[in-house]
Amino acid sequence: MAAFRIAPEAELELDDIWLYIARSSGNIDVANRLIDRITDQFWLLAQHPYLGRRRDQDLRAGLRTFPVGEYVIVYRVDIDEVVLILHIFHGKQDIQSLIHD
């Protein structure tokens, strides 16, 4: 059975993304569509956990990333094949420094 969990940090990041997009676009529908687009990929990753790029060398052992438009989902696959969504960052952010902090 494919499943995923969302870390509290990732939940906060999704809220921040929604708020930023809603404010900058002036349109909550645009923000809702982006969040839906990102979270739809959680289901895809649950079905295909190893779809994302391995980031063992540059981020941390066991981490993977998967792009969604201008955003990047950072996740890992648990022993029981459950996908744990750790972060959602904008692609222009320095993911390496954010992960290592």
N, C-alpha and C. Protein backbone atom coordinates (compact mmCIF):
# COMPACT_ATOMS: atom_id res chain seq x y z
N MET A 1 0.83 -1.19 0.00
CA MET A 1 0.00 0.00 0.00
C MET A 1 0.88 1.25 0.00
N ALA A 2 0.69 2.10 -0.96
CA ALA A 2 1.47 3.32 -1.07
C ALA A 2 0.95 4.37 -0.09
N ALA A 3 1.90 5.01 0.58
CA ALA A 3 1.49 6.02 1.57
C ALA A 3 2.57 7.09 1.68
N PHE A 4 2.17 8.23 2.21
CA PHE A 4 3.12 9.29 2.51
C PHE A 4 2.72 9.98 3.80
N ARG A 5 3.71 10.61 4.42
CA ARG A 5 3.49 11.45 5.59
C ARG A 5 4.17 12.79 5.33
N ILE A 6 3.63 13.83 5.93
CA ILE A 6 4.18 15.16 5.75
C ILE A 6 4.74 15.65 7.08
N ALA A 7 6.02 16.00 7.08
CA ALA A 7 6.66 16.52 8.30
C ALA A 7 6.07 17.89 8.64
N PRO A 8 6.06 18.23 9.92
CA PRO A 8 5.52 19.54 10.33
C PRO A 8 6.19 20.71 9.60
N GLU A 9 7.50 20.61 9.35
CA GLU A 9 8.20 21.69 8.63
C GLU A 9 7.63 21.86 7.22
N ALA A 10 7.35 20.74 6.58
CA ALA A 10 6.80 20.80 5.22
C ALA A 10 5.40 21.40 5.23
N GLU A 11 4.61 21.09 6.25
CA GLU A 11 3.28 21.69 6.38
C GLU A 11 3.39 23.22 6.48
N LEU A 12 4.32 23.68 7.31
CA LEU A 12 4.54 25.13 7.47
C LEU A 12 5.02 25.76 6.16
N GLU A 13 5.89 25.07 5.46
CA GLU A 13 6.40 25.59 4.19
C GLU A 13 5.28 25.70 3.16
N LEU A 14 4.38 24.72 3.13
CA LEU A 14 3.23 24.79 2.22
C LEU A 14 2.35 26.00 2.56
N ASP A 15 2.14 26.23 3.86
CA ASP A 15 1.36 27.40 4.29
C ASP A 15 2.04 28.70 3.84
N ASP A 16 3.37 28.76 4.01
CA ASP A 16 4.11 29.95 3.61
C ASP A 16 4.05 30.17 2.10
N ILE A 17 4.16 29.09 1.34
CA ILE A 17 4.08 29.19 -0.12
C ILE A 17 2.70 29.71 -0.52
N TRP A 18 1.65 29.14 0.08
CA TRP A 18 0.29 29.56 -0.23
C TRP A 18 0.12 31.06 0.04
N LEU A 19 0.58 31.48 1.23
CA LEU A 19 0.42 32.88 1.62
C LEU A 19 1.19 33.80 0.68
N TYR A 20 2.40 33.43 0.35
CA TYR A 20 3.21 34.25 -0.55
C TYR A 20 2.54 34.38 -1.92
N ILE A 21 2.10 33.26 -2.48
CA ILE A 21 1.48 33.28 -3.81
C ILE A 21 0.15 34.04 -3.77
N ALA A 22 -0.64 33.83 -2.73
CA ALA A 22 -1.93 34.54 -2.62
C ALA A 22 -1.70 36.04 -2.55
N ARG A 23 -0.71 36.47 -1.77
CA ARG A 23 -0.43 37.90 -1.64
C ARG A 23 0.17 38.48 -2.92
N SER A 24 1.15 37.78 -3.49
CA SER A 24 1.85 38.35 -4.65
C SER A 24 0.99 38.34 -5.90
N SER A 25 0.10 37.35 -6.02
CA SER A 25 -0.76 37.28 -7.20
C SER A 25 -2.08 38.02 -6.98
N GLY A 26 -2.43 38.20 -5.70
CA GLY A 26 -3.71 38.81 -5.38
C GLY A 26 -4.88 37.88 -5.68
N ASN A 27 -4.59 36.58 -5.79
CA ASN A 27 -5.61 35.62 -6.20
C ASN A 27 -5.45 34.31 -5.42
N ILE A 28 -6.39 34.02 -4.54
CA ILE A 28 -6.26 32.78 -3.75
C ILE A 28 -6.44 31.53 -4.60
N ASP A 29 -7.14 31.65 -5.73
CA ASP A 29 -7.29 30.48 -6.62
C ASP A 29 -5.94 30.06 -7.19
N VAL A 30 -5.11 31.03 -7.52
CA VAL A 30 -3.76 30.74 -8.02
C VAL A 30 -2.96 30.01 -6.94
N ALA A 31 -3.05 30.49 -5.71
CA ALA A 31 -2.34 29.86 -4.59
C ALA A 31 -2.87 28.44 -4.36
N ASN A 32 -4.19 28.29 -4.39
CA ASN A 32 -4.78 26.95 -4.19
C ASN A 32 -4.34 25.98 -5.28
N ARG A 33 -4.31 26.44 -6.52
CA ARG A 33 -3.90 25.55 -7.63
C ARG A 33 -2.45 25.11 -7.47
N LEU A 34 -1.59 26.03 -7.06
CA LEU A 34 -0.18 25.66 -6.87
C LEU A 34 -0.04 24.63 -5.76
N ILE A 35 -0.68 24.85 -4.64
CA ILE A 35 -0.60 23.90 -3.53
C ILE A 35 -1.16 22.54 -3.95
N ASP A 36 -2.27 22.55 -4.69
CA ASP A 36 -2.83 21.29 -5.20
C ASP A 36 -1.84 20.59 -6.12
N ARG A 37 -1.19 21.37 -6.97
CA ARG A 37 -0.21 20.78 -7.90
C ARG A 37 0.95 20.13 -7.14
N ILE A 38 1.42 20.80 -6.10
CA ILE A 38 2.51 20.25 -5.30
C ILE A 38 2.04 18.99 -4.56
N THR A 39 0.91 19.09 -3.87
CA THR A 39 0.46 17.96 -3.05
C THR A 39 0.02 16.77 -3.90
N ASP A 40 -0.43 17.01 -5.13
CA ASP A 40 -0.73 15.89 -6.03
C ASP A 40 0.51 15.03 -6.27
N GLN A 41 1.66 15.67 -6.26
CA GLN A 41 2.91 14.92 -6.48
C GLN A 41 3.25 14.03 -5.29
N PHE A 42 2.74 14.34 -4.11
CA PHE A 42 2.95 13.46 -2.95
C PHE A 42 2.37 12.09 -3.24
N TRP A 43 1.20 12.07 -3.89
CA TRP A 43 0.55 10.80 -4.24
C TRP A 43 1.36 10.04 -5.28
N LEU A 44 1.90 10.77 -6.25
CA LEU A 44 2.75 10.15 -7.27
C LEU A 44 3.98 9.52 -6.62
N LEU A 45 4.61 10.26 -5.71
CA LEU A 45 5.79 9.75 -5.03
C LEU A 45 5.45 8.56 -4.14
N ALA A 46 4.27 8.56 -3.55
CA ALA A 46 3.84 7.41 -2.74
C ALA A 46 3.73 6.17 -3.61
N GLN A 47 3.25 6.33 -4.83
CA GLN A 47 3.11 5.21 -5.77
C GLN A 47 4.46 4.77 -6.34
N HIS A 48 5.37 5.75 -6.52
CA HIS A 48 6.69 5.50 -7.13
C HIS A 48 7.76 6.17 -6.27
N PRO A 49 8.07 5.60 -5.11
CA PRO A 49 8.93 6.30 -4.14
C PRO A 49 10.33 6.63 -4.63
N TYR A 50 10.83 5.89 -5.60
CA TYR A 50 12.21 6.13 -6.04
C TYR A 50 12.28 6.96 -7.32
N LEU A 51 11.20 7.65 -7.64
CA LEU A 51 11.12 8.49 -8.82
C LEU A 51 12.04 9.70 -8.73
N GLY A 52 12.15 10.25 -7.55
CA GLY A 52 12.97 11.46 -7.35
C GLY A 52 14.46 11.19 -7.45
N ARG A 53 15.20 12.26 -7.64
CA ARG A 53 16.66 12.19 -7.76
C ARG A 53 17.31 11.92 -6.40
N ARG A 54 18.23 10.97 -6.38
CA ARG A 54 18.99 10.68 -5.15
C ARG A 54 19.90 11.86 -4.83
N ARG A 55 19.95 12.24 -3.56
CA ARG A 55 20.78 13.37 -3.14
C ARG A 55 21.72 12.97 -2.01
N ASP A 56 22.15 11.71 -2.02
CA ASP A 56 23.04 11.19 -0.98
C ASP A 56 24.35 11.98 -0.90
N GLN A 57 24.88 12.36 -2.05
CA GLN A 57 26.20 12.98 -2.09
C GLN A 57 26.18 14.45 -1.68
N ASP A 58 25.18 15.20 -2.15
CA ASP A 58 25.23 16.66 -1.94
C ASP A 58 24.35 17.16 -0.80
N LEU A 59 23.33 16.39 -0.40
CA LEU A 59 22.47 16.84 0.69
C LEU A 59 22.69 16.00 1.94
N ARG A 60 22.10 14.82 1.95
CA ARG A 60 22.23 13.92 3.09
C ARG A 60 21.84 12.52 2.63
N ALA A 61 22.47 11.52 3.20
CA ALA A 61 22.18 10.14 2.83
C ALA A 61 20.69 9.85 2.99
N GLY A 62 20.11 9.25 1.97
CA GLY A 62 18.72 8.86 2.01
C GLY A 62 17.74 9.90 1.47
N LEU A 63 18.22 11.11 1.22
CA LEU A 63 17.31 12.15 0.72
C LEU A 63 17.16 12.08 -0.79
N ARG A 64 15.97 12.45 -1.23
CA ARG A 64 15.65 12.54 -2.65
C ARG A 64 14.93 13.86 -2.89
N THR A 65 14.99 14.33 -4.14
CA THR A 65 14.26 15.54 -4.50
C THR A 65 13.44 15.28 -5.75
N PHE A 66 12.33 16.00 -5.85
CA PHE A 66 11.45 15.88 -7.00
C PHE A 66 10.93 17.28 -7.34
N PRO A 67 11.14 17.73 -8.58
CA PRO A 67 10.71 19.08 -8.94
C PRO A 67 9.22 19.16 -9.26
N VAL A 68 8.62 20.28 -8.88
CA VAL A 68 7.24 20.60 -9.24
C VAL A 68 7.23 22.06 -9.65
N GLY A 69 7.28 22.32 -10.93
CA GLY A 69 7.36 23.69 -11.40
C GLY A 69 8.61 24.35 -10.84
N GLU A 70 8.43 25.48 -10.16
CA GLU A 70 9.56 26.21 -9.58
C GLU A 70 9.93 25.71 -8.19
N TYR A 71 9.26 24.69 -7.71
CA TYR A 71 9.48 24.18 -6.36
C TYR A 71 10.11 22.80 -6.38
N VAL A 72 10.70 22.43 -5.24
CA VAL A 72 11.36 21.14 -5.10
C VAL A 72 10.87 20.48 -3.82
N ILE A 73 10.41 19.25 -3.97
CA ILE A 73 10.00 18.45 -2.81
C ILE A 73 11.23 17.68 -2.35
N VAL A 74 11.55 17.79 -1.06
CA VAL A 74 12.64 17.02 -0.47
C VAL A 74 11.99 15.94 0.38
N TYR A 75 12.37 14.68 0.14
CA TYR A 75 11.74 13.57 0.85
C TYR A 75 12.71 12.42 1.06
N ARG A 76 12.27 11.46 1.84
CA ARG A 76 13.01 10.21 1.99
C ARG A 76 12.00 9.07 2.03
N VAL A 77 12.50 7.90 1.73
CA VAL A 77 11.66 6.71 1.73
C VAL A 77 12.03 5.89 2.95
N ASP A 78 11.04 5.65 3.83
CA ASP A 78 11.28 4.85 5.02
C ASP A 78 11.42 3.38 4.66
N ILE A 79 11.87 2.60 5.62
CA ILE A 79 12.07 1.15 5.43
C ILE A 79 10.80 0.48 4.92
N ASP A 80 9.66 0.93 5.40
CA ASP A 80 8.38 0.32 5.01
C ASP A 80 7.81 0.94 3.73
N GLU A 81 8.68 1.66 2.96
CA GLU A 81 8.31 2.26 1.67
C GLU A 81 7.36 3.46 1.80
N VAL A 82 7.17 3.96 3.01
CA VAL A 82 6.35 5.16 3.19
C VAL A 82 7.23 6.37 2.85
N VAL A 83 6.69 7.27 2.04
CA VAL A 83 7.40 8.48 1.65
C VAL A 83 7.16 9.54 2.72
N LEU A 84 8.26 10.09 3.24
CA LEU A 84 8.17 11.16 4.23
C LEU A 84 8.57 12.47 3.55
N ILE A 85 7.59 13.36 3.39
CA ILE A 85 7.82 14.67 2.77
C ILE A 85 8.44 15.55 3.85
N LEU A 86 9.69 15.94 3.63
CA LEU A 86 10.42 16.70 4.64
C LEU A 86 10.34 18.21 4.44
N HIS A 87 10.46 18.64 3.18
CA HIS A 87 10.49 20.07 2.87
C HIS A 87 9.94 20.33 1.48
N ILE A 88 9.48 21.54 1.28
CA ILE A 88 9.15 22.05 -0.04
C ILE A 88 9.83 23.41 -0.15
N PHE A 89 10.81 23.50 -1.05
CA PHE A 89 11.57 24.72 -1.22
C PHE A 89 11.38 25.28 -2.62
N HIS A 90 11.55 26.59 -2.75
CA HIS A 90 11.62 27.19 -4.08
C HIS A 90 12.96 26.79 -4.68
N GLY A 91 12.97 26.50 -5.96
CA GLY A 91 14.18 26.04 -6.63
C GLY A 91 15.33 27.03 -6.60
N LYS A 92 15.03 28.31 -6.39
CA LYS A 92 16.10 29.32 -6.33
C LYS A 92 16.76 29.38 -4.95
N GLN A 93 16.16 28.72 -3.97
CA GLN A 93 16.76 28.71 -2.63
C GLN A 93 17.98 27.80 -2.62
N ASP A 94 18.91 28.08 -1.72
CA ASP A 94 20.09 27.24 -1.55
C ASP A 94 19.69 26.05 -0.67
N ILE A 95 19.21 25.01 -1.31
CA ILE A 95 18.69 23.84 -0.60
C ILE A 95 19.76 23.21 0.28
N GLN A 96 20.99 23.17 -0.24
CA GLN A 96 22.08 22.55 0.52
C GLN A 96 22.26 23.24 1.87
N SER A 97 22.28 24.55 1.90
CA SER A 97 22.49 25.24 3.18
C SER A 97 21.26 25.11 4.07
N LEU A 98 20.06 25.06 3.50
CA LEU A 98 18.85 24.92 4.29
C LEU A 98 18.77 23.54 4.96
N ILE A 99 19.20 22.52 4.23
CA ILE A 99 19.18 21.14 4.77
C ILE A 99 20.22 20.98 5.87
N HIS A 100 21.36 21.62 5.71
CA HIS A 100 22.44 21.44 6.67
C HIS A 100 22.34 22.32 7.90
N ASP A 101 21.39 23.24 7.91
CA ASP A 101 21.22 24.11 9.10
C ASP A 101 20.53 23.39 10.23
